[in-house]
Amino acid sequence: MISTRGRYAIRVMLDLAETGGEGFVPLKDIAERQGISKKYLEIIVKDLVQGGLLFGVSGKGGGYRLSRQPEDYPLGEILELMEGSLEPVACLADSSYYCDRREKCKTLPLWEEYSKMVHEFFFGKTLKDLL
């Protein structure tokens, strides 16, 4: 399940794609438009800035803006930054995970196929697609 962090991060990014352009948008404006606590958004945008998805400037005239064009943001990138791996099972999420059943696991192909569908879905859509 995608948490509120992942969902709200997409909403913040989409809000900036719709309203930001080249200028910086104050977080309080995003919070008001999205109906999300400014305090909670502070945590989310901090991660988005650290992940290189947003630029942030503090002080008068400050705020946030996208670091690239909306078509250059696969939704999967945003979700993985906020959620971690989108893999459905530990043996696919962590290459160092040891499973003594891996060679004979009859369900592994199911998880691999599901993982591929999820990856193609979220990495095949961009912020621009949502605009």
N, C-alpha and C. Protein backbone atom coordinates (compact mmCIF):
# COMPACT_ATOMS: atom_id res chain seq x y z
N MET A 1 0.84 -1.17 0.00
CA MET A 1 0.00 0.00 0.00
C MET A 1 0.89 1.24 0.00
N ILE A 2 0.50 2.22 -0.78
CA ILE A 2 1.23 3.48 -0.84
C ILE A 2 0.76 4.34 0.34
N SER A 3 1.72 4.83 1.13
CA SER A 3 1.39 5.61 2.32
C SER A 3 1.01 7.05 1.95
N THR A 4 0.58 7.79 2.97
CA THR A 4 0.27 9.21 2.74
C THR A 4 1.52 9.97 2.30
N ARG A 5 2.69 9.58 2.78
CA ARG A 5 3.93 10.25 2.35
C ARG A 5 4.08 10.19 0.84
N GLY A 6 3.89 9.03 0.26
CA GLY A 6 4.01 8.87 -1.18
C GLY A 6 2.92 9.61 -1.93
N ARG A 7 1.70 9.49 -1.46
CA ARG A 7 0.57 10.17 -2.12
C ARG A 7 0.70 11.68 -2.02
N TYR A 8 1.06 12.17 -0.84
CA TYR A 8 1.19 13.62 -0.67
C TYR A 8 2.37 14.16 -1.46
N ALA A 9 3.44 13.39 -1.56
CA ALA A 9 4.59 13.84 -2.35
C ALA A 9 4.18 14.05 -3.80
N ILE A 10 3.40 13.15 -4.33
CA ILE A 10 2.92 13.31 -5.71
C ILE A 10 2.03 14.54 -5.81
N ARG A 11 1.18 14.76 -4.82
CA ARG A 11 0.31 15.94 -4.84
C ARG A 11 1.11 17.23 -4.78
N VAL A 12 2.16 17.27 -3.95
CA VAL A 12 3.03 18.46 -3.87
C VAL A 12 3.70 18.71 -5.21
N MET A 13 4.26 17.66 -5.78
CA MET A 13 4.96 17.79 -7.05
C MET A 13 4.00 18.24 -8.15
N LEU A 14 2.81 17.70 -8.15
CA LEU A 14 1.81 18.07 -9.15
C LEU A 14 1.37 19.52 -8.95
N ASP A 15 1.19 19.92 -7.70
CA ASP A 15 0.82 21.30 -7.40
C ASP A 15 1.89 22.25 -7.94
N LEU A 16 3.15 21.93 -7.72
CA LEU A 16 4.24 22.77 -8.22
C LEU A 16 4.29 22.77 -9.74
N ALA A 17 4.00 21.65 -10.35
CA ALA A 17 3.98 21.58 -11.82
C ALA A 17 2.86 22.47 -12.37
N GLU A 18 1.75 22.54 -11.66
CA GLU A 18 0.61 23.35 -12.11
C GLU A 18 0.80 24.83 -11.85
N THR A 19 1.43 25.18 -10.73
CA THR A 19 1.46 26.59 -10.31
C THR A 19 2.83 27.22 -10.25
N GLY A 20 3.87 26.42 -10.24
CA GLY A 20 5.20 26.95 -9.96
C GLY A 20 5.92 27.63 -11.09
N GLY A 21 5.95 26.99 -12.23
CA GLY A 21 6.74 27.55 -13.32
C GLY A 21 8.18 27.71 -12.89
N GLU A 22 8.74 28.88 -13.13
CA GLU A 22 10.13 29.14 -12.75
C GLU A 22 10.25 29.76 -11.36
N GLY A 23 9.13 30.22 -10.79
CA GLY A 23 9.18 30.85 -9.48
C GLY A 23 9.10 29.86 -8.35
N PHE A 24 9.37 30.36 -7.16
CA PHE A 24 9.29 29.54 -5.95
C PHE A 24 7.92 29.71 -5.32
N VAL A 25 7.33 28.62 -4.89
CA VAL A 25 5.98 28.62 -4.32
C VAL A 25 6.10 28.36 -2.82
N PRO A 26 5.53 29.26 -2.00
CA PRO A 26 5.58 29.06 -0.55
C PRO A 26 4.84 27.78 -0.14
N LEU A 27 5.40 27.09 0.83
CA LEU A 27 4.81 25.84 1.30
C LEU A 27 3.41 26.06 1.87
N LYS A 28 3.19 27.19 2.51
CA LYS A 28 1.86 27.46 3.08
C LYS A 28 0.79 27.50 1.98
N ASP A 29 1.16 27.99 0.80
CA ASP A 29 0.20 28.03 -0.32
C ASP A 29 -0.14 26.61 -0.80
N ILE A 30 0.88 25.78 -0.88
CA ILE A 30 0.67 24.38 -1.30
C ILE A 30 -0.21 23.68 -0.27
N ALA A 31 0.11 23.87 1.01
CA ALA A 31 -0.65 23.23 2.09
C ALA A 31 -2.12 23.64 2.04
N GLU A 32 -2.37 24.93 1.80
CA GLU A 32 -3.76 25.40 1.72
C GLU A 32 -4.49 24.78 0.53
N ARG A 33 -3.86 24.82 -0.63
CA ARG A 33 -4.51 24.27 -1.83
C ARG A 33 -4.77 22.78 -1.71
N GLN A 34 -3.85 22.06 -1.10
CA GLN A 34 -3.95 20.61 -1.01
C GLN A 34 -4.69 20.12 0.23
N GLY A 35 -4.95 21.01 1.17
CA GLY A 35 -5.63 20.60 2.40
C GLY A 35 -4.80 19.65 3.23
N ILE A 36 -3.50 19.92 3.27
CA ILE A 36 -2.56 19.08 4.02
C ILE A 36 -1.83 19.96 5.03
N SER A 37 -1.58 19.43 6.20
CA SER A 37 -0.86 20.16 7.24
C SER A 37 0.49 20.65 6.74
N LYS A 38 0.78 21.93 6.97
CA LYS A 38 2.07 22.49 6.57
C LYS A 38 3.21 21.77 7.29
N LYS A 39 2.98 21.43 8.54
CA LYS A 39 3.99 20.73 9.34
C LYS A 39 4.37 19.39 8.69
N TYR A 40 3.35 18.65 8.24
CA TYR A 40 3.60 17.36 7.60
C TYR A 40 4.30 17.56 6.25
N LEU A 41 3.88 18.58 5.52
CA LEU A 41 4.51 18.84 4.23
C LEU A 41 5.98 19.25 4.38
N GLU A 42 6.33 19.87 5.48
CA GLU A 42 7.73 20.24 5.71
C GLU A 42 8.63 19.00 5.69
N ILE A 43 8.15 17.93 6.28
CA ILE A 43 8.90 16.68 6.31
C ILE A 43 9.03 16.10 4.90
N ILE A 44 7.93 16.14 4.17
CA ILE A 44 7.91 15.57 2.81
C ILE A 44 8.80 16.36 1.87
N VAL A 45 8.69 17.70 1.88
CA VAL A 45 9.50 18.48 0.94
C VAL A 45 10.98 18.42 1.29
N LYS A 46 11.29 18.24 2.55
CA LYS A 46 12.70 18.08 2.94
C LYS A 46 13.30 16.86 2.22
N ASP A 47 12.55 15.76 2.21
CA ASP A 47 13.02 14.56 1.52
C ASP A 47 13.08 14.77 0.00
N LEU A 48 12.11 15.50 -0.54
CA LEU A 48 12.10 15.77 -1.98
C LEU A 48 13.28 16.64 -2.39
N VAL A 49 13.64 17.60 -1.53
CA VAL A 49 14.81 18.45 -1.81
C VAL A 49 16.08 17.62 -1.69
N GLN A 50 16.22 16.85 -0.62
CA GLN A 50 17.41 16.01 -0.43
C GLN A 50 17.56 15.00 -1.56
N GLY A 51 16.43 14.53 -2.11
CA GLY A 51 16.45 13.58 -3.21
C GLY A 51 16.69 14.23 -4.57
N GLY A 52 16.81 15.56 -4.59
CA GLY A 52 17.09 16.28 -5.84
C GLY A 52 15.88 16.52 -6.73
N LEU A 53 14.68 16.27 -6.21
CA LEU A 53 13.48 16.45 -7.03
C LEU A 53 12.95 17.88 -6.98
N LEU A 54 13.29 18.60 -5.91
CA LEU A 54 12.86 19.99 -5.76
C LEU A 54 14.03 20.87 -5.40
N PHE A 55 13.89 22.16 -5.72
CA PHE A 55 14.78 23.20 -5.20
C PHE A 55 14.00 23.92 -4.12
N GLY A 56 14.67 24.28 -3.05
CA GLY A 56 14.04 25.03 -1.98
C GLY A 56 14.87 26.24 -1.61
N VAL A 57 14.20 27.36 -1.36
CA VAL A 57 14.84 28.59 -0.93
C VAL A 57 14.09 29.11 0.27
N SER A 58 14.82 29.46 1.34
CA SER A 58 14.15 29.98 2.53
C SER A 58 14.17 31.50 2.51
N GLY A 59 13.35 32.08 3.37
CA GLY A 59 13.29 33.53 3.49
C GLY A 59 12.23 34.15 2.60
N LYS A 60 12.23 35.49 2.58
CA LYS A 60 11.24 36.23 1.79
C LYS A 60 11.39 35.88 0.31
N GLY A 61 10.29 35.57 -0.32
CA GLY A 61 10.31 35.19 -1.73
C GLY A 61 10.73 33.74 -1.94
N GLY A 62 10.89 33.03 -0.84
CA GLY A 62 11.33 31.64 -0.93
C GLY A 62 10.17 30.68 -1.13
N GLY A 63 10.51 29.43 -1.15
CA GLY A 63 9.54 28.38 -1.34
C GLY A 63 10.18 27.23 -2.08
N TYR A 64 9.40 26.56 -2.91
CA TYR A 64 9.87 25.36 -3.60
C TYR A 64 9.50 25.44 -5.07
N ARG A 65 10.32 24.77 -5.87
CA ARG A 65 10.00 24.61 -7.28
C ARG A 65 10.62 23.32 -7.78
N LEU A 66 10.10 22.84 -8.89
CA LEU A 66 10.61 21.61 -9.49
C LEU A 66 12.04 21.84 -9.97
N SER A 67 12.85 20.82 -9.91
CA SER A 67 14.23 20.93 -10.40
C SER A 67 14.34 20.57 -11.88
N ARG A 68 13.26 20.05 -12.46
CA ARG A 68 13.24 19.75 -13.89
C ARG A 68 11.80 19.82 -14.40
N GLN A 69 11.61 19.55 -15.66
CA GLN A 69 10.30 19.65 -16.27
C GLN A 69 9.39 18.49 -15.83
N PRO A 70 8.06 18.74 -15.78
CA PRO A 70 7.13 17.69 -15.33
C PRO A 70 7.24 16.37 -16.09
N GLU A 71 7.55 16.42 -17.38
CA GLU A 71 7.67 15.19 -18.16
C GLU A 71 8.92 14.37 -17.79
N ASP A 72 9.80 14.98 -17.01
CA ASP A 72 11.03 14.30 -16.61
C ASP A 72 10.95 13.69 -15.21
N TYR A 73 9.74 13.60 -14.67
CA TYR A 73 9.52 12.99 -13.36
C TYR A 73 8.64 11.76 -13.47
N PRO A 74 9.23 10.58 -13.58
CA PRO A 74 8.39 9.37 -13.51
C PRO A 74 7.80 9.27 -12.09
N LEU A 75 6.54 8.92 -12.01
CA LEU A 75 5.91 8.81 -10.70
C LEU A 75 6.60 7.76 -9.83
N GLY A 76 7.14 6.73 -10.46
CA GLY A 76 7.87 5.71 -9.72
C GLY A 76 9.07 6.26 -8.98
N GLU A 77 9.73 7.24 -9.56
CA GLU A 77 10.89 7.86 -8.91
C GLU A 77 10.46 8.57 -7.62
N ILE A 78 9.36 9.30 -7.69
CA ILE A 78 8.84 10.01 -6.52
C ILE A 78 8.44 9.00 -5.44
N LEU A 79 7.70 7.98 -5.85
CA LEU A 79 7.24 6.98 -4.88
C LEU A 79 8.39 6.23 -4.23
N GLU A 80 9.38 5.83 -5.01
CA GLU A 80 10.51 5.10 -4.43
C GLU A 80 11.31 5.97 -3.47
N LEU A 81 11.43 7.26 -3.78
CA LEU A 81 12.13 8.15 -2.86
C LEU A 81 11.40 8.22 -1.52
N MET A 82 10.08 8.30 -1.58
CA MET A 82 9.29 8.46 -0.36
C MET A 82 8.98 7.14 0.35
N GLU A 83 8.81 6.07 -0.41
CA GLU A 83 8.36 4.80 0.16
C GLU A 83 9.47 3.77 0.31
N GLY A 84 10.54 3.94 -0.43
CA GLY A 84 11.52 2.87 -0.53
C GLY A 84 11.11 1.97 -1.68
N SER A 85 11.62 0.78 -1.69
CA SER A 85 11.35 -0.16 -2.76
C SER A 85 9.86 -0.44 -2.92
N LEU A 86 9.43 -0.53 -4.16
CA LEU A 86 8.03 -0.90 -4.43
C LEU A 86 7.89 -2.41 -4.66
N GLU A 87 8.96 -3.15 -4.46
CA GLU A 87 8.93 -4.59 -4.66
C GLU A 87 7.97 -5.24 -3.67
N PRO A 88 7.24 -6.26 -4.12
CA PRO A 88 6.22 -6.87 -3.27
C PRO A 88 6.76 -7.86 -2.24
N VAL A 89 7.96 -8.40 -2.46
CA VAL A 89 8.51 -9.40 -1.53
C VAL A 89 9.97 -9.11 -1.27
N ALA A 90 10.44 -9.55 -0.10
CA ALA A 90 11.80 -9.24 0.34
C ALA A 90 12.87 -9.75 -0.61
N CYS A 91 12.65 -10.91 -1.21
CA CYS A 91 13.70 -11.48 -2.06
C CYS A 91 13.92 -10.66 -3.33
N LEU A 92 12.95 -9.85 -3.74
CA LEU A 92 13.13 -8.97 -4.89
C LEU A 92 13.58 -7.58 -4.47
N ALA A 93 13.20 -7.17 -3.28
CA ALA A 93 13.52 -5.83 -2.79
C ALA A 93 14.98 -5.69 -2.39
N ASP A 94 15.59 -6.77 -1.95
CA ASP A 94 16.94 -6.71 -1.41
C ASP A 94 17.77 -7.84 -2.01
N SER A 95 18.73 -7.47 -2.84
CA SER A 95 19.54 -8.48 -3.52
C SER A 95 20.37 -9.32 -2.54
N SER A 96 20.63 -8.78 -1.35
CA SER A 96 21.40 -9.54 -0.37
C SER A 96 20.51 -10.43 0.51
N TYR A 97 19.20 -10.36 0.31
CA TYR A 97 18.28 -11.19 1.08
C TYR A 97 18.49 -12.65 0.70
N TYR A 98 18.70 -13.48 1.70
CA TYR A 98 18.92 -14.90 1.44
C TYR A 98 17.63 -15.68 1.63
N CYS A 99 17.30 -16.47 0.63
CA CYS A 99 16.15 -17.37 0.72
C CYS A 99 16.60 -18.73 0.19
N ASP A 100 16.56 -19.73 1.03
CA ASP A 100 17.01 -21.06 0.61
C ASP A 100 16.03 -21.72 -0.37
N ARG A 101 14.89 -21.11 -0.59
CA ARG A 101 13.90 -21.66 -1.52
C ARG A 101 13.94 -20.99 -2.89
N ARG A 102 14.78 -20.02 -3.06
CA ARG A 102 14.78 -19.23 -4.29
C ARG A 102 14.85 -20.08 -5.55
N GLU A 103 15.70 -21.06 -5.57
CA GLU A 103 15.87 -21.90 -6.77
C GLU A 103 14.66 -22.79 -7.07
N LYS A 104 13.88 -23.10 -6.04
CA LYS A 104 12.74 -23.99 -6.25
C LYS A 104 11.39 -23.32 -5.95
N CYS A 105 11.41 -22.00 -5.77
CA CYS A 105 10.20 -21.27 -5.40
C CYS A 105 9.24 -21.19 -6.58
N LYS A 106 8.09 -21.77 -6.40
CA LYS A 106 7.09 -21.77 -7.48
C LYS A 106 6.31 -20.45 -7.56
N THR A 107 6.40 -19.63 -6.49
CA THR A 107 5.68 -18.37 -6.51
C THR A 107 6.54 -17.20 -6.99
N LEU A 108 7.84 -17.37 -7.05
CA LEU A 108 8.73 -16.28 -7.46
C LEU A 108 8.36 -15.69 -8.82
N PRO A 109 8.05 -16.51 -9.83
CA PRO A 109 7.66 -15.92 -11.12
C PRO A 109 6.41 -15.01 -11.00
N LEU A 110 5.51 -15.35 -10.12
CA LEU A 110 4.33 -14.53 -9.89
C LEU A 110 4.74 -13.15 -9.36
N TRP A 111 5.62 -13.14 -8.36
CA TRP A 111 6.07 -11.88 -7.76
C TRP A 111 6.90 -11.07 -8.75
N GLU A 112 7.69 -11.75 -9.56
CA GLU A 112 8.49 -11.04 -10.56
C GLU A 112 7.58 -10.38 -11.61
N GLU A 113 6.56 -11.08 -12.04
CA GLU A 113 5.62 -10.52 -13.01
C GLU A 113 4.86 -9.33 -12.42
N TYR A 114 4.40 -9.48 -11.19
CA TYR A 114 3.70 -8.40 -10.51
C TYR A 114 4.62 -7.18 -10.36
N SER A 115 5.86 -7.43 -9.95
CA SER A 115 6.83 -6.35 -9.79
C SER A 115 7.06 -5.61 -11.10
N LYS A 116 7.16 -6.36 -12.18
CA LYS A 116 7.37 -5.75 -13.50
C LYS A 116 6.18 -4.87 -13.88
N MET A 117 4.97 -5.35 -13.61
CA MET A 117 3.77 -4.56 -13.93
C MET A 117 3.73 -3.25 -13.13
N VAL A 118 4.04 -3.34 -11.84
CA VAL A 118 4.04 -2.15 -10.99
C VAL A 118 5.10 -1.17 -11.47
N HIS A 119 6.30 -1.68 -11.74
CA HIS A 119 7.39 -0.82 -12.20
C HIS A 119 7.03 -0.14 -13.51
N GLU A 120 6.54 -0.90 -14.47
CA GLU A 120 6.17 -0.32 -15.77
C GLU A 120 5.04 0.70 -15.63
N PHE A 121 4.11 0.43 -14.73
CA PHE A 121 2.99 1.36 -14.53
C PHE A 121 3.48 2.69 -13.97
N PHE A 122 4.18 2.65 -12.83
CA PHE A 122 4.58 3.89 -12.18
C PHE A 122 5.74 4.60 -12.88
N PHE A 123 6.63 3.86 -13.52
CA PHE A 123 7.72 4.51 -14.23
C PHE A 123 7.32 4.89 -15.65
N GLY A 124 6.15 4.42 -16.08
CA GLY A 124 5.63 4.77 -17.40
C GLY A 124 4.73 5.99 -17.39
N LYS A 125 4.48 6.55 -16.20
CA LYS A 125 3.66 7.75 -16.06
C LYS A 125 4.50 8.85 -15.43
N THR A 126 4.27 10.07 -15.89
CA THR A 126 5.01 11.22 -15.38
C THR A 126 4.05 12.25 -14.77
N LEU A 127 4.63 13.24 -14.13
CA LEU A 127 3.81 14.34 -13.61
C LEU A 127 3.02 14.99 -14.75
N LYS A 128 3.65 15.11 -15.90
CA LYS A 128 2.97 15.74 -17.04
C LYS A 128 1.70 14.97 -17.41
N ASP A 129 1.73 13.66 -17.29
CA ASP A 129 0.54 12.85 -17.59
C ASP A 129 -0.62 13.19 -16.67
N LEU A 130 -0.33 13.63 -15.46
CA LEU A 130 -1.38 13.97 -14.51
C LEU A 130 -1.90 15.40 -14.66
N LEU A 131 -1.15 16.22 -15.37
CA LEU A 131 -1.56 17.63 -15.55
C LEU A 131 -2.80 17.75 -16.41
